[in-house]
Amino acid sequence: MALLAQDSAVPCALVALTVFRAPAWACLICFTSYKERTRICQIFAGIQGPELEKCQEAFSSAFADLADIEINYDERSHLHDAFTQMTHSLQEIAAAQGSFNIAFPDAAEKMRKVIMKLKGAQACVPPCGFQDVARRFLCYGCYSKACNFPLDCPVQDLTVTRGQQAKFSCTVNFQLPKEEITYSWKFAGGGTSAPPRGEIELQVSFRKVLRWAPKETETLEPWRPSLGELLARPEALTPGNQCLLAALAAVASASATLMVWVFFRWYFKGN
């Protein structure tokens, strides 16, 4: 991703390609904004006029050789800081009435030395794999690219005899990230193997359950307890049940007395 200033816009970038006749998206355009470059030339040559155009052409020509530079992707921030310092230095030279014909080539040569001191990217290791440590940033286009290799690496078939153990390993010739890495294994179809011992025992037990049947059909008779059995239960003689039994006893006694009285009255009346 190009490190452009926030105040630069797409139209400004298009104007930059027209005014600065450098190859498309050189390092200068990747790490500085159109507003910054125009401001430097305005300090050197004024707001407008032929000198401003000469300044812009000189600025473009001085950095034309940095168009096809490739750097380590992780060094982008360092290069951006270097271009920022260069911009401030050119503004100071312009404010001191310096010459842009001298300042621009000197600045370009200093930036070339800075780029040469940057840590280089590792070489791509064929034939496969996503190699992030080999990613590069291209000034010609302001974009990054990685190794153009397929992600899937060649695999080695491993034949294992039933009952024996197999050890899987992943070995590549390039550096793997230390964190956030996931390994996945692909197994060929059509292989045969005995089921685990625990699964066999479970299947045998399941078959025994399916084959089981009761020898005699047992019928459960309903439980009909007597009054004494009900009263003998611990939860039977609750205060409410005791009151109910007393009421039933009183009613039974009154009924018996009434029946005896009616009987004697009928008997003596007949005599």
Protein backbone atom coordinates (compact mmCIF):
# COMPACT_ATOMS: atom_id res chain seq x y z
CA MET A 1 0.00 0.00 0.00
CA ALA A 2 1.39 3.40 -0.90
CA LEU A 3 2.05 5.72 2.01
CA LEU A 4 0.42 8.85 0.62
CA ALA A 5 -0.40 11.87 2.73
CA GLN A 6 -3.99 12.17 3.90
CA ASP A 7 -4.56 15.50 2.18
CA SER A 8 -3.66 14.13 -1.26
CA ALA A 9 -6.54 13.10 -3.50
CA VAL A 10 -6.95 11.13 -6.70
CA PRO A 11 -7.27 14.21 -8.95
CA CYS A 12 -4.06 15.58 -7.42
CA ALA A 13 -2.29 12.31 -8.16
CA LEU A 14 -3.45 12.47 -11.77
CA VAL A 15 -2.18 16.03 -12.08
CA ALA A 16 1.12 14.87 -10.59
CA LEU A 17 1.51 12.31 -13.35
CA THR A 18 0.98 15.02 -15.93
CA VAL A 19 3.12 17.76 -14.42
CA PHE A 20 5.95 15.55 -13.15
CA ARG A 21 7.00 13.72 -16.28
CA ALA A 22 8.59 10.87 -14.38
CA PRO A 23 7.79 7.21 -14.95
CA ALA A 24 4.43 6.28 -13.46
CA TRP A 25 4.39 6.19 -9.65
CA ALA A 26 8.09 6.48 -8.85
CA CYS A 27 9.29 6.31 -5.24
CA LEU A 28 8.94 10.09 -4.99
CA ILE A 29 5.24 9.89 -5.80
CA CYS A 30 4.69 6.87 -3.52
CA PHE A 31 6.02 8.54 -0.38
CA THR A 32 5.22 12.23 -0.92
CA SER A 33 2.00 14.01 -1.79
CA TYR A 34 1.33 16.27 -4.75
CA LYS A 35 0.63 19.12 -2.36
CA GLU A 36 4.03 18.71 -0.70
CA ARG A 37 5.91 18.64 -4.01
CA THR A 38 4.04 21.65 -5.36
CA ARG A 39 4.64 23.58 -2.16
CA ILE A 40 8.40 22.98 -2.41
CA CYS A 41 8.54 24.31 -5.99
CA GLN A 42 6.39 27.30 -5.07
CA ILE A 43 8.90 28.21 -2.37
CA PHE A 44 11.77 27.82 -4.86
CA ALA A 45 10.21 29.52 -7.92
CA GLY A 46 7.09 31.38 -6.86
CA ILE A 47 3.38 30.69 -7.05
CA GLN A 48 3.20 30.59 -10.86
CA GLY A 49 5.20 31.25 -13.96
CA PRO A 50 7.73 29.48 -16.17
CA GLU A 51 10.17 29.00 -13.29
CA LEU A 52 7.55 26.92 -11.45
CA GLU A 53 7.27 24.54 -14.40
CA LYS A 54 11.05 24.28 -14.65
CA CYS A 55 11.22 23.46 -10.95
CA GLN A 56 8.63 20.73 -11.29
CA GLU A 57 10.43 19.22 -14.28
CA ALA A 58 13.75 19.33 -12.42
CA PHE A 59 12.15 17.67 -9.40
CA SER A 60 10.77 14.91 -11.60
CA SER A 61 14.00 14.37 -13.51
CA ALA A 62 16.14 14.19 -10.38
CA PHE A 63 14.15 11.23 -9.00
CA ALA A 64 13.47 9.47 -12.32
CA ASP A 65 16.11 6.84 -11.61
CA LEU A 66 14.23 5.75 -8.47
CA ALA A 67 11.20 4.61 -10.45
CA ASP A 68 12.02 0.90 -10.63
CA ILE A 69 13.28 0.49 -7.08
CA GLU A 70 12.16 -2.60 -5.14
CA ILE A 71 12.49 -2.66 -1.35
CA ASN A 72 11.69 -5.00 1.48
CA TYR A 73 7.99 -4.65 2.30
CA ASP A 74 8.76 -4.23 6.00
CA GLU A 75 11.06 -1.27 5.26
CA ARG A 76 8.29 0.95 3.88
CA SER A 77 7.95 2.95 7.09
CA HIS A 78 11.69 3.68 7.20
CA LEU A 79 11.67 4.91 3.61
CA HIS A 80 8.60 7.02 4.27
CA ASP A 81 10.35 8.69 7.21
CA ALA A 82 13.37 9.39 5.02
CA PHE A 83 11.22 11.07 2.35
CA THR A 84 9.51 13.14 5.05
CA GLN A 85 12.86 14.39 6.30
CA MET A 86 13.90 15.12 2.71
CA THR A 87 10.75 17.21 2.19
CA HIS A 88 11.47 19.34 5.26
CA SER A 89 15.11 19.76 4.19
CA LEU A 90 14.11 20.96 0.71
CA GLN A 91 11.68 23.45 2.22
CA GLU A 92 14.46 24.86 4.38
CA ILE A 93 16.81 25.13 1.38
CA ALA A 94 14.09 26.86 -0.66
CA ALA A 95 13.38 29.29 2.16
CA ALA A 96 17.10 30.11 2.27
CA GLN A 97 17.00 31.08 -1.44
CA GLY A 98 18.87 27.97 -2.56
CA SER A 99 18.89 26.60 -6.10
CA PHE A 100 16.57 23.72 -6.94
CA ASN A 101 18.91 22.63 -9.73
CA ILE A 102 21.42 21.70 -7.02
CA ALA A 103 19.03 20.74 -4.20
CA PHE A 104 17.00 18.16 -6.13
CA PRO A 105 19.92 16.03 -7.43
CA ASP A 106 21.54 16.11 -3.99
CA ALA A 107 18.29 15.00 -2.36
CA ALA A 108 17.83 12.20 -4.90
CA GLU A 109 21.38 10.95 -4.29
CA LYS A 110 20.81 10.95 -0.52
CA MET A 111 17.60 8.98 -0.96
CA ARG A 112 19.42 6.47 -3.16
CA LYS A 113 21.97 5.92 -0.38
CA VAL A 114 19.16 5.48 2.15
CA ILE A 115 17.50 2.88 -0.07
CA MET A 116 20.78 1.01 -0.49
CA LYS A 117 21.09 0.73 3.30
CA LEU A 118 17.61 -0.73 3.77
CA LYS A 119 17.32 -4.37 4.70
CA GLY A 120 16.76 -6.41 1.57
CA ALA A 121 13.95 -8.89 1.14
CA GLN A 122 14.69 -12.59 1.21
CA ALA A 123 14.75 -14.42 -2.07
CA CYS A 124 11.78 -16.57 -3.06
CA VAL A 125 12.37 -20.27 -2.52
CA PRO A 126 10.72 -22.43 -5.18
CA PRO A 127 8.55 -24.23 -5.85
CA CYS A 128 5.58 -23.32 -3.65
CA GLY A 129 4.15 -21.68 -0.57
CA PHE A 130 3.15 -18.20 0.57
CA GLN A 131 6.45 -16.63 1.66
CA ASP A 132 5.63 -13.41 3.47
CA VAL A 133 9.27 -12.69 4.38
CA ALA A 134 10.02 -12.41 0.65
CA ARG A 135 7.33 -9.77 0.00
CA ARG A 136 8.59 -6.68 -1.87
CA PHE A 137 7.33 -3.13 -2.38
CA LEU A 138 7.63 -1.77 -5.93
CA CYS A 139 7.93 1.97 -6.44
CA TYR A 140 6.84 1.46 -10.05
CA GLY A 141 3.15 1.27 -9.21
CA CYS A 142 3.32 1.71 -5.42
CA TYR A 143 2.21 -1.84 -4.71
CA SER A 144 3.58 -4.96 -3.08
CA LYS A 145 4.04 -8.42 -4.48
CA ALA A 146 4.89 -11.80 -3.06
CA CYS A 147 6.38 -14.86 -4.67
CA ASN A 148 4.28 -16.00 -7.59
CA PHE A 149 4.18 -19.62 -6.46
CA PRO A 150 1.23 -21.96 -5.89
CA LEU A 151 0.20 -22.29 -2.26
CA ASP A 152 0.03 -26.10 -2.26
CA CYS A 153 3.42 -27.72 -1.97
CA PRO A 154 4.17 -31.21 -3.35
CA VAL A 155 3.30 -34.01 -0.93
CA GLN A 156 4.90 -37.38 -0.43
CA ASP A 157 2.66 -40.43 -0.23
CA LEU A 158 3.08 -42.47 2.93
CA THR A 159 1.98 -46.10 3.07
CA VAL A 160 1.25 -47.42 6.55
CA THR A 161 0.60 -51.02 7.50
CA ARG A 162 -2.51 -51.65 9.57
CA GLY A 163 -1.72 -51.44 13.26
CA GLN A 164 1.46 -49.40 12.84
CA GLN A 165 1.94 -45.74 13.67
CA ALA A 166 2.70 -42.97 11.20
CA LYS A 167 4.45 -39.66 11.83
CA PHE A 168 3.45 -36.62 9.81
CA SER A 169 5.85 -33.73 9.31
CA CYS A 170 5.89 -30.44 7.39
CA THR A 171 9.29 -29.37 6.12
CA VAL A 172 9.85 -26.48 3.70
CA ASN A 173 12.91 -24.55 2.59
CA PHE A 174 11.52 -21.14 3.53
CA GLN A 175 10.79 -19.53 6.89
CA LEU A 176 7.39 -20.17 8.45
CA PRO A 177 5.71 -17.63 10.75
CA LYS A 178 6.12 -18.38 14.44
CA GLU A 179 2.53 -17.54 15.35
CA GLU A 180 -0.91 -17.84 13.78
CA ILE A 181 -0.06 -20.81 11.59
CA THR A 182 -2.46 -23.66 10.87
CA TYR A 183 -1.51 -27.08 9.56
CA SER A 184 -4.01 -29.19 7.65
CA TRP A 185 -3.62 -32.76 6.48
CA LYS A 186 -5.26 -34.45 3.53
CA PHE A 187 -5.87 -38.18 3.61
CA ALA A 188 -6.37 -40.28 0.51
CA GLY A 189 -9.73 -42.01 0.23
CA GLY A 190 -10.31 -45.73 -0.20
CA GLY A 191 -8.11 -46.82 2.69
CA THR A 192 -9.17 -49.71 4.93
CA SER A 193 -8.49 -50.18 8.59
CA ALA A 194 -9.93 -52.12 11.51
CA PRO A 195 -12.29 -50.15 13.77
CA PRO A 196 -11.06 -49.23 17.25
CA ARG A 197 -11.34 -51.84 19.98
CA GLY A 198 -13.75 -49.77 22.02
CA GLU A 199 -16.08 -49.45 19.05
CA ILE A 200 -16.12 -53.24 18.57
CA GLU A 201 -17.02 -53.83 22.23
CA LEU A 202 -19.80 -51.25 22.00
CA GLN A 203 -21.25 -52.91 18.92
CA VAL A 204 -21.23 -56.35 20.64
CA SER A 205 -23.04 -54.94 23.67
CA PHE A 206 -25.58 -53.26 21.44
CA ARG A 207 -26.32 -56.52 19.61
CA LYS A 208 -26.88 -58.27 22.95
CA VAL A 209 -29.41 -55.64 23.93
CA LEU A 210 -31.27 -56.03 20.64
CA ARG A 211 -31.41 -59.81 20.97
CA TRP A 212 -32.66 -59.79 24.59
CA ALA A 213 -36.30 -60.75 25.19
CA PRO A 214 -38.12 -61.63 28.49
CA LYS A 215 -38.86 -65.34 28.95
CA GLU A 216 -42.25 -64.88 30.62
CA THR A 217 -44.61 -62.03 30.37
CA GLU A 218 -45.33 -60.71 33.83
CA THR A 219 -48.55 -58.84 34.59
CA LEU A 220 -48.67 -56.42 37.45
CA GLU A 221 -51.80 -56.66 39.65
CA PRO A 222 -53.25 -53.41 40.92
CA TRP A 223 -52.67 -52.73 44.63
CA ARG A 224 -55.84 -52.68 46.69
CA PRO A 225 -54.86 -51.96 50.28
CA SER A 226 -57.21 -52.48 53.22
CA LEU A 227 -58.20 -49.80 55.72
CA GLY A 228 -55.75 -51.15 58.24
CA GLU A 229 -52.89 -51.02 55.70
CA LEU A 230 -53.77 -47.47 54.84
CA LEU A 231 -53.92 -46.44 58.50
CA ALA A 232 -50.62 -48.19 59.15
CA ARG A 233 -48.79 -45.91 56.68
CA PRO A 234 -46.81 -43.15 58.43
CA GLU A 235 -48.31 -40.38 56.33
CA ALA A 236 -51.93 -41.53 56.94
CA LEU A 237 -52.57 -40.10 60.47
CA THR A 238 -52.19 -36.42 59.72
CA PRO A 239 -54.21 -33.88 61.77
CA GLY A 240 -56.64 -33.45 58.91
CA ASN A 241 -57.12 -37.20 58.49
CA GLN A 242 -57.65 -37.59 62.26
CA CYS A 243 -60.43 -34.99 62.22
CA LEU A 244 -62.00 -36.73 59.26
CA LEU A 245 -61.90 -40.10 61.04
CA ALA A 246 -63.47 -38.57 64.18
CA ALA A 247 -66.27 -37.07 62.10
CA LEU A 248 -66.88 -40.39 60.37
CA ALA A 249 -66.98 -42.17 63.74
CA ALA A 250 -69.49 -39.65 65.11
CA VAL A 251 -71.71 -40.00 62.07
CA ALA A 252 -71.53 -43.79 62.29
CA SER A 253 -72.42 -43.72 66.02
CA ALA A 254 -75.36 -41.38 65.45
CA SER A 255 -76.61 -43.51 62.58
CA ALA A 256 -76.42 -46.67 64.71
CA THR A 257 -78.28 -44.98 67.60
CA LEU A 258 -80.98 -43.77 65.25
CA MET A 259 -81.44 -47.21 63.74
CA VAL A 260 -81.75 -48.84 67.22
CA TRP A 261 -84.30 -46.25 68.32
CA VAL A 262 -86.37 -46.76 65.18
CA PHE A 263 -86.25 -50.53 65.64
CA PHE A 264 -87.45 -50.45 69.26
CA ARG A 265 -90.20 -48.00 68.45
CA TRP A 266 -91.45 -50.19 65.68
CA TYR A 267 -91.23 -53.30 67.86
CA PHE A 268 -93.17 -51.89 70.84
CA LYS A 269 -95.72 -50.26 68.60
CA GLY A 270 -96.49 -53.62 66.98
CA ASN A 271 -97.03 -55.33 70.34
